[in-house]
Each structure stands twice: as C-alpha cells, then as structure tokens.
C-alpha cells in the first residue's frame, strides 16, 4: 500500500439546507462567519453551494451548504454525520456566545464538557447540530487561520475554524479499521456521549436513547481541528440524509501529487474511490467508509476563493460553467447581501 503524506486535519464540512436565504442570514448575521464563496453545486448547477469560512476561506475553516429546497428533513440514525464543531477561543467566549444565542432566539444547550473541552451545543433553524468548542492555544494545532472580525460578531467571539466532526455508525469495528489502517488515524481516547444540562433555551433538545462511548480519532498533528468522533449505536435504525444534516466531511492533503497517492492507497485497501475531481478551488477524491459516511480528501492548493465577489453578492463559477452563466443566474433565487461583510 502506498504511503502518501499524512492528512493534516479537516479541510471542510458540507451540509444540506432547504432554505438558502435563511441559511445565509443565520451563518453570517448570527454566527458571524464570512460568506467566502457564493457558487453553484457543480454536479447540479440549478442550486446554490455556499461556503462560509475565515477571512480568506482557508482550508480548515470552511463550512459549506448545498441548497436542496425540495429535500426532506434528516431522519436521525446510523450511517450519518451527526454533528459538526466550530472553534472559538476561550471559556469566556462560550459564555458570551450563550448570551448572544439567547438574544437571537437560537435553541442551545447549557455550557458543558464534551470530549474534555468546554462546549456549547446549538441548532440552526433546520436542526443542524453545531458544537461551539473551546479552542485553547495548547490544543489548537491547526495551521494559521485569520478569523473574520469585520462582521456583526465581536472579534473576541470570532469563529476560528472547524472543530471535531461526529459520526454515528451501527458497528464501530469496520469504521475503526478503515480510519486507523487506511487513512491512518490514531485512536486517542473515548468519552461518554450524554445529554448536556439544558438551559431554558434548550428545553426541547433531542435526547439520546442511551449514553454510548465515542471513540476519538486524530490525524496529522491532532488537536481540536483534526479529530473525528465516532459513536457506535448498534440498536438504532439506519438514518437518512436530509436538510439539517451533513452530506460529507473533507480531510486535507497538500497538493495534486498527494491526492493521487491517496487515491491509490484507498483503492489498494479494497475501497472504491472516485476519480480525482477538479473543483477549481481544490481537487477532490471521494470514498464511502463501511459505516456509510462519505469522506472526501481535498487539496490545500487551487484557485483562491473570490471573497470580494461573494461580499458583493456575485455568483462565482468555475471555468467549465462560465459559458452557461446567464441561464444559471436566471434560475437561481436572490439571497440578499451577506451580513458578515456589514460591520456593526
């Protein structure tokens, strides 16, 4: 089996929304992320693909959404990504975030410990699970990012980037084998997945049927931006993906040579990777691990995100779709300006 360079952490996470306009309002105005790329789903240009990230949309900071207006809501269960995390700096910031979420009528938990870190769990209007986690200097090993501090959120509360992603599977063993033997991750520790104490804003938070253990897997340098948390729930039914859910997670590799080496390694392991796909802003390979989770490997190299175009509300298209701009734009509904580029 070939040995490509180690994966260096999370590259991006891509979720589903059925309400693109409200999605932009929530993630820019309430959470203060920057809309760094307003484009279309390259596999279905009739719908938006929205990217939120740090000031420049650096790898490790991007949360993206495919707009699927007719999609059903997600049904919880196994075979799904069941939570994503955003890193904020310091316990004081988490307390301030709880107050800000109350001011914006956002459903959330009380402050609690999650995997040994202080955390606050919130839900967007479609039920997307968002863990805000404390990103202390000693645990943040992600390459340098530049949090967006010119939007409506005070700079001290700015999101630093992506944190751990939670996967739920029916059987941990085959997922563990792929993560540790193919990618390879290190299995670092476990923690109990319980329901955090609810605040008054969280009286209707979903509660698990039991309290299983989550296994923490680290890649690259490890730390808060390079973890997958895998929860085993053998007695739960298979879930289905829908709005309020996460389509896939992406892991970082340096460049085109590395991603081709990774594709060869994944194929040699008996899995079925996609061809290398040129997304213009990065290159990608996709593979579904045995538990049903779609994992992408994406390069740090590619065209820079056109953040100025996104700030102006313009749609950016990769070169292969540019000749179809007129028909694509005509079919897309207006979204309004991103609040993250409108400082207080």
Protein backbone atom coordinates (compact mmCIF):
# COMPACT_ATOMS: atom_id res chain seq x y z
CA UNK A 1 0.00 0.00 0.00
CA UNK A 2 1.40 3.41 -0.98
CA UNK A 3 2.32 5.98 1.67
CA UNK A 4 1.11 9.49 0.79
CA UNK A 5 1.83 12.39 3.15
CA UNK A 6 -0.25 12.40 6.36
CA UNK A 7 -3.65 14.05 6.28
CA UNK A 8 -3.34 17.32 8.19
CA UNK A 9 -6.85 17.68 9.59
CA UNK A 10 -10.26 18.81 8.43
CA UNK A 11 -10.46 20.67 5.11
CA UNK A 12 -14.19 21.46 5.02
CA UNK A 13 -17.58 20.06 6.01
CA UNK A 14 -20.54 20.15 3.60
CA UNK A 15 -24.13 20.13 4.84
CA UNK A 16 -27.63 20.44 3.34
CA UNK A 17 -30.13 23.28 3.57
CA UNK A 18 -33.53 23.75 2.04
CA UNK A 19 -33.64 27.46 2.88
CA UNK A 20 -30.64 29.17 1.29
CA UNK A 21 -31.70 32.73 2.10
CA UNK A 22 -32.29 31.96 5.79
CA UNK A 23 -29.07 29.96 5.82
CA UNK A 24 -27.04 33.00 4.71
CA UNK A 25 -28.75 35.18 7.30
CA UNK A 26 -28.07 32.74 10.15
CA UNK A 27 -24.47 31.86 9.39
CA UNK A 28 -23.35 35.40 8.58
CA UNK A 29 -25.53 37.54 10.84
CA UNK A 30 -25.94 35.29 13.88
CA UNK A 31 -22.73 33.23 13.80
CA UNK A 32 -20.60 35.91 12.16
CA UNK A 33 -18.97 33.66 9.56
CA UNK A 34 -17.85 35.19 6.29
CA UNK A 35 -19.53 34.12 3.06
CA UNK A 36 -16.34 33.42 1.12
CA UNK A 37 -17.81 31.75 -1.96
CA UNK A 38 -21.26 32.05 -3.47
CA UNK A 39 -21.37 29.47 -6.22
CA UNK A 40 -23.44 26.55 -7.50
CA UNK A 41 -23.38 22.83 -6.96
CA UNK A 42 -21.01 21.78 -9.74
CA UNK A 43 -22.91 18.50 -10.12
CA UNK A 44 -26.28 20.32 -10.26
CA UNK A 45 -25.82 23.99 -11.28
CA UNK A 46 -29.52 24.72 -10.72
CA UNK A 47 -28.85 25.10 -6.97
CA UNK A 48 -26.50 27.09 -4.74
CA UNK A 49 -23.38 25.89 -2.99
CA UNK A 50 -22.50 28.33 -0.21
CA UNK A 51 -19.11 28.45 1.55
CA UNK A 52 -18.52 30.14 4.92
CA UNK A 53 -15.06 30.46 6.46
CA UNK A 54 -12.36 32.71 7.83
CA UNK A 55 -11.32 35.98 6.21
CA UNK A 56 -9.91 34.24 3.12
CA UNK A 57 -11.68 30.87 3.22
CA UNK A 58 -8.58 28.92 4.21
CA UNK A 59 -8.69 25.12 4.40
CA UNK A 60 -9.72 24.02 7.86
CA UNK A 61 -12.27 26.82 8.27
CA UNK A 62 -14.91 26.17 5.61
CA UNK A 63 -18.46 25.11 6.37
CA UNK A 64 -20.42 24.68 3.14
CA UNK A 65 -24.07 24.12 2.30
CA UNK A 66 -25.74 22.56 -0.71
CA UNK A 67 -29.14 24.18 -1.25
CA UNK A 68 -31.75 21.46 -1.88
CA UNK A 69 -35.15 23.16 -1.48
CA UNK A 70 -37.24 20.03 -2.07
CA UNK A 71 -35.24 17.72 0.20
CA UNK A 72 -36.91 16.02 3.15
CA UNK A 73 -35.71 16.66 6.68
CA UNK A 74 -33.00 14.37 8.00
CA UNK A 75 -34.11 11.31 9.98
CA UNK A 76 -31.69 10.56 12.83
CA UNK A 77 -29.96 7.20 12.93
CA UNK A 78 -26.77 5.42 11.98
CA UNK A 79 -24.68 5.93 8.86
CA UNK A 80 -24.72 9.71 9.27
CA UNK A 81 -22.53 12.62 10.30
CA UNK A 82 -24.46 13.71 13.37
CA UNK A 83 -22.65 16.85 14.48
CA UNK A 84 -20.05 19.38 13.46
CA UNK A 85 -18.00 21.79 15.54
CA UNK A 86 -16.82 25.37 15.29
CA UNK A 87 -13.82 26.52 17.31
CA UNK A 88 -13.99 29.63 19.48
CA UNK A 89 -11.23 30.88 21.75
CA UNK A 90 -11.74 30.65 25.49
CA UNK A 91 -14.35 29.76 28.10
CA UNK A 92 -15.37 33.40 28.38
CA UNK A 93 -16.22 33.41 24.69
CA UNK A 94 -18.51 30.43 25.16
CA UNK A 95 -20.41 32.23 27.91
CA UNK A 96 -20.81 35.27 25.67
CA UNK A 97 -21.98 33.00 22.86
CA UNK A 98 -24.71 31.59 25.09
CA UNK A 99 -25.97 35.13 25.72
CA UNK A 100 -25.77 36.00 22.02
CA UNK A 101 -27.73 32.90 21.03
CA UNK A 102 -30.42 33.81 23.57
CA UNK A 103 -30.64 37.30 22.06
CA UNK A 104 -31.18 35.73 18.62
CA UNK A 105 -33.67 33.09 19.89
CA UNK A 106 -31.38 30.23 18.87
CA UNK A 107 -32.01 26.89 20.55
CA UNK A 108 -28.95 25.73 22.51
CA UNK A 109 -27.71 23.69 25.45
CA UNK A 110 -26.15 24.89 28.64
CA UNK A 111 -22.35 25.01 28.80
CA UNK A 112 -20.96 21.51 29.30
CA UNK A 113 -17.88 19.33 28.82
CA UNK A 114 -17.56 17.49 25.52
CA UNK A 115 -14.58 15.22 24.93
CA UNK A 116 -12.69 17.02 27.70
CA UNK A 117 -13.33 20.50 26.30
CA UNK A 118 -15.80 23.18 27.31
CA UNK A 119 -18.62 23.33 24.76
CA UNK A 120 -21.99 24.79 23.87
CA UNK A 121 -24.34 22.95 21.51
CA UNK A 122 -26.64 24.98 19.27
CA UNK A 123 -29.09 24.19 16.47
CA UNK A 124 -29.84 26.22 13.39
CA UNK A 125 -33.40 26.66 12.10
CA UNK A 126 -33.30 23.31 10.29
CA UNK A 127 -31.93 21.36 13.25
CA UNK A 128 -28.26 21.29 12.21
CA UNK A 129 -26.19 20.32 15.28
CA UNK A 130 -23.41 22.86 15.90
CA UNK A 131 -20.99 22.35 18.77
CA UNK A 132 -19.10 25.52 19.71
CA UNK A 133 -15.94 24.21 21.37
CA UNK A 134 -13.20 25.90 23.34
CA UNK A 135 -10.11 26.22 21.16
CA UNK A 136 -7.39 26.78 23.76
CA UNK A 137 -3.94 27.65 22.47
CA UNK A 138 -2.46 24.39 23.75
CA UNK A 139 -4.98 22.27 21.81
CA UNK A 140 -5.11 24.28 18.58
CA UNK A 141 -2.59 22.74 16.21
CA UNK A 142 -4.31 23.84 13.00
CA UNK A 143 -2.12 25.81 10.56
CA UNK A 144 -2.63 29.57 10.85
CA UNK A 145 -6.06 30.96 10.04
CA UNK A 146 -7.39 34.50 10.06
CA UNK A 147 -10.79 34.68 11.77
CA UNK A 148 -13.28 37.08 10.21
CA UNK A 149 -13.59 40.01 12.62
CA UNK A 150 -15.31 42.66 10.49
CA UNK A 151 -18.82 41.26 10.73
CA UNK A 152 -21.60 41.56 13.33
CA UNK A 153 -19.93 39.32 15.95
CA UNK A 154 -17.41 40.94 18.36
CA UNK A 155 -13.82 39.96 17.45
CA UNK A 156 -13.33 38.13 20.77
CA UNK A 157 -16.14 35.74 19.79
CA UNK A 158 -14.96 35.11 16.22
CA UNK A 159 -15.07 31.53 14.99
CA UNK A 160 -11.52 30.24 14.49
CA UNK A 161 -12.39 27.37 12.16
CA UNK A 162 -13.71 23.82 12.14
CA UNK A 163 -13.53 21.52 15.13
CA UNK A 164 -14.26 17.80 15.60
CA UNK A 165 -16.88 16.07 13.43
CA UNK A 166 -19.16 13.42 14.96
CA UNK A 167 -20.05 10.24 13.04
CA UNK A 168 -22.69 7.72 14.16
CA UNK A 169 -22.39 4.12 12.96
CA UNK A 170 -24.06 0.81 13.77
CA UNK A 171 -20.76 -1.07 14.14
CA UNK A 172 -17.55 0.68 15.15
CA UNK A 173 -15.13 -2.11 14.16
CA UNK A 174 -15.09 -1.71 10.35
CA UNK A 175 -15.00 2.09 10.58
CA UNK A 176 -12.14 1.87 13.09
CA UNK A 177 -10.22 -0.42 10.75
CA UNK A 178 -10.50 1.98 7.80
CA UNK A 179 -9.68 5.05 9.86
CA UNK A 180 -6.64 3.52 11.55
CA UNK A 181 -5.28 1.27 8.79
CA UNK A 182 -6.06 3.18 5.60
CA UNK A 183 -6.02 6.90 6.36
CA UNK A 184 -4.41 6.35 9.05
CA UNK A 185 -5.80 7.99 12.16
CA UNK A 186 -4.68 7.31 15.73
CA UNK A 187 -7.36 6.24 18.20
CA UNK A 188 -6.67 8.66 21.03
CA UNK A 189 -9.32 8.19 23.73
CA UNK A 190 -13.02 7.72 24.43
CA UNK A 191 -15.66 9.76 26.23
CA UNK A 192 -19.27 9.23 27.22
CA UNK A 193 -21.88 10.80 24.97
CA UNK A 194 -24.53 12.18 27.28
CA UNK A 195 -27.14 14.87 27.13
CA UNK A 196 -25.75 18.21 28.35
CA UNK A 197 -27.72 20.00 31.05
CA UNK A 198 -30.31 22.07 29.27
CA UNK A 199 -30.66 25.81 29.54
CA UNK A 200 -34.06 27.49 29.38
CA UNK A 201 -33.46 27.90 25.65
CA UNK A 202 -32.92 24.17 25.20
CA UNK A 203 -35.96 22.55 26.81
CA UNK A 204 -36.73 20.64 23.61
CA UNK A 205 -33.23 19.39 22.85
CA UNK A 206 -33.19 15.83 21.49
CA UNK A 207 -32.04 13.22 23.98
CA UNK A 208 -30.18 10.01 23.05
CA UNK A 209 -31.76 6.68 23.94
CA UNK A 210 -28.64 5.71 25.86
CA UNK A 211 -25.21 7.07 26.67
CA UNK A 212 -22.68 5.29 24.46
CA UNK A 213 -18.98 6.00 24.26
CA UNK A 214 -17.49 7.98 21.40
CA UNK A 215 -14.07 6.99 20.11
CA UNK A 216 -11.81 9.94 19.27
CA UNK A 217 -9.58 9.52 16.21
CA UNK A 218 -6.81 12.02 15.42
CA UNK A 219 -4.96 12.66 12.19
CA UNK A 220 -1.90 14.73 11.31
CA UNK A 221 -0.88 16.94 14.23
CA UNK A 222 -4.00 16.01 16.18
CA UNK A 223 -5.79 18.58 18.27
CA UNK A 224 -9.19 20.16 18.07
CA UNK A 225 -9.18 20.73 14.29
CA UNK A 226 -8.03 17.23 13.33
CA UNK A 227 -10.45 14.88 15.09
CA UNK A 228 -13.31 12.56 14.16
CA UNK A 229 -15.55 11.36 16.99
CA UNK A 230 -17.24 8.04 16.15
CA UNK A 231 -20.31 6.96 18.12
CA UNK A 232 -21.49 3.34 17.93
CA UNK A 233 -25.26 2.80 18.23
CA UNK A 234 -25.98 -0.82 17.27
CA UNK A 235 -29.64 -0.70 18.28
CA UNK A 236 -30.63 2.36 16.24
CA UNK A 237 -32.12 2.18 12.73
CA UNK A 238 -30.36 3.49 9.68
CA UNK A 239 -30.88 7.23 9.30
CA UNK A 240 -31.45 9.12 6.11
CA UNK A 241 -29.73 12.25 4.97
CA UNK A 242 -31.77 15.40 4.56
CA UNK A 243 -31.92 19.07 5.41
CA UNK A 244 -30.36 19.78 8.76
CA UNK A 245 -27.80 17.06 8.09
CA UNK A 246 -24.21 16.84 6.86
CA UNK A 247 -23.50 15.44 3.40
CA UNK A 248 -19.78 14.73 3.84
CA UNK A 249 -16.57 15.73 5.57
CA UNK A 250 -13.29 16.51 3.81
CA UNK A 251 -9.75 15.90 5.00
CA UNK A 252 -6.69 17.93 3.98
CA UNK A 253 -3.81 16.87 1.76
CA UNK A 254 -1.23 19.28 0.30
CA UNK A 255 -1.48 19.07 -3.48
CA UNK A 256 -2.32 17.14 -6.63
CA UNK A 257 0.51 14.64 -6.30
CA UNK A 258 -0.57 13.85 -2.75
CA UNK A 259 -4.22 13.36 -3.62
CA UNK A 260 -3.33 10.94 -6.41
CA UNK A 261 -1.20 8.97 -3.97
CA UNK A 262 -4.13 8.94 -1.55
CA UNK A 263 -6.48 7.66 -4.25
CA UNK A 264 -4.07 4.81 -4.96
CA UNK A 265 -3.79 3.97 -1.26
CA UNK A 266 -7.58 3.92 -0.78
CA UNK A 267 -8.01 1.73 -3.86
CA UNK A 268 -5.24 -0.66 -2.74
CA UNK A 269 -7.12 -1.07 0.55
CA UNK A 270 -10.11 -2.55 -1.30
CA UNK A 271 -12.33 0.53 -1.12
CA UNK A 272 -13.84 2.24 -4.17
CA UNK A 273 -12.65 5.83 -4.51
CA UNK A 274 -13.97 8.24 -7.10
CA UNK A 275 -11.70 9.58 -9.80
CA UNK A 276 -9.80 12.75 -8.90
CA UNK A 277 -12.28 15.59 -9.44
CA UNK A 278 -11.10 19.12 -10.24
CA UNK A 279 -13.31 21.52 -8.24
CA UNK A 280 -11.26 24.55 -9.41
CA UNK A 281 -10.71 25.73 -5.82
CA UNK A 282 -9.26 22.33 -4.86
CA UNK A 283 -9.03 18.77 -6.18
CA UNK A 284 -11.02 16.00 -4.53
CA UNK A 285 -11.37 12.25 -4.16
CA UNK A 286 -14.44 10.72 -2.50
CA UNK A 287 -14.87 7.36 -0.76
CA UNK A 288 -17.61 5.92 1.45
CA UNK A 289 -16.31 4.14 4.55
CA UNK A 290 -18.02 0.92 5.78
CA UNK A 291 -20.31 2.72 8.23
CA UNK A 292 -21.88 4.70 5.39
CA UNK A 293 -20.10 8.05 5.85
CA UNK A 294 -18.90 9.87 2.73
CA UNK A 295 -15.32 11.11 3.18
CA UNK A 296 -13.58 13.45 0.77
CA UNK A 297 -9.86 14.09 0.55
CA UNK A 298 -9.22 17.62 -0.75
CA UNK A 299 -6.11 19.58 -1.64
CA UNK A 300 -4.91 22.76 0.02
CA UNK A 301 -3.98 24.02 -3.47
CA UNK A 302 -6.31 25.52 -6.07
CA UNK A 303 -7.73 28.85 -7.13
CA UNK A 304 -8.21 31.25 -4.18
CA UNK A 305 -11.77 31.89 -3.12
CA UNK A 306 -13.17 35.07 -4.72
CA UNK A 307 -14.17 36.61 -1.40
CA UNK A 308 -14.67 40.08 -2.88
CA UNK A 309 -17.22 38.70 -5.34
CA UNK A 310 -19.06 36.93 -2.51
CA UNK A 311 -19.07 40.15 -0.46
CA UNK A 312 -20.66 41.93 -3.40
CA UNK A 313 -23.29 39.21 -3.75
CA UNK A 314 -21.96 37.94 -7.08
CA UNK A 315 -22.10 34.31 -8.11
CA UNK A 316 -18.71 32.77 -8.91
CA UNK A 317 -18.50 29.92 -11.38
CA UNK A 318 -15.68 27.50 -12.25
CA UNK A 319 -14.36 27.90 -15.81
CA UNK A 320 -16.35 24.98 -17.22
CA UNK A 321 -19.65 26.57 -16.14
CA UNK A 322 -18.86 30.18 -17.09
CA UNK A 323 -20.35 29.85 -20.64
CA UNK A 324 -23.69 28.95 -19.00
CA UNK A 325 -23.71 31.92 -16.60
CA UNK A 326 -26.79 33.64 -17.99
CA UNK A 327 -29.04 30.59 -17.74
CA UNK A 328 -27.62 29.58 -14.34
CA UNK A 329 -28.18 33.02 -12.81
CA UNK A 330 -31.68 33.26 -14.24
CA UNK A 331 -32.68 30.02 -12.49
CA UNK A 332 -31.33 30.95 -9.04
CA UNK A 333 -33.40 32.89 -6.47
CA UNK A 334 -31.88 36.05 -4.92
CA UNK A 335 -30.30 35.62 -1.49
CA UNK A 336 -29.67 39.16 -0.32
CA UNK A 337 -26.32 40.56 0.83
CA UNK A 338 -24.19 38.59 3.32
CA UNK A 339 -24.37 40.18 6.74
CA UNK A 340 -20.83 39.08 7.57
CA UNK A 341 -19.49 41.84 5.32
CA UNK A 342 -21.60 44.51 7.04
CA UNK A 343 -19.82 45.55 10.26
CA UNK A 344 -21.72 46.98 13.20
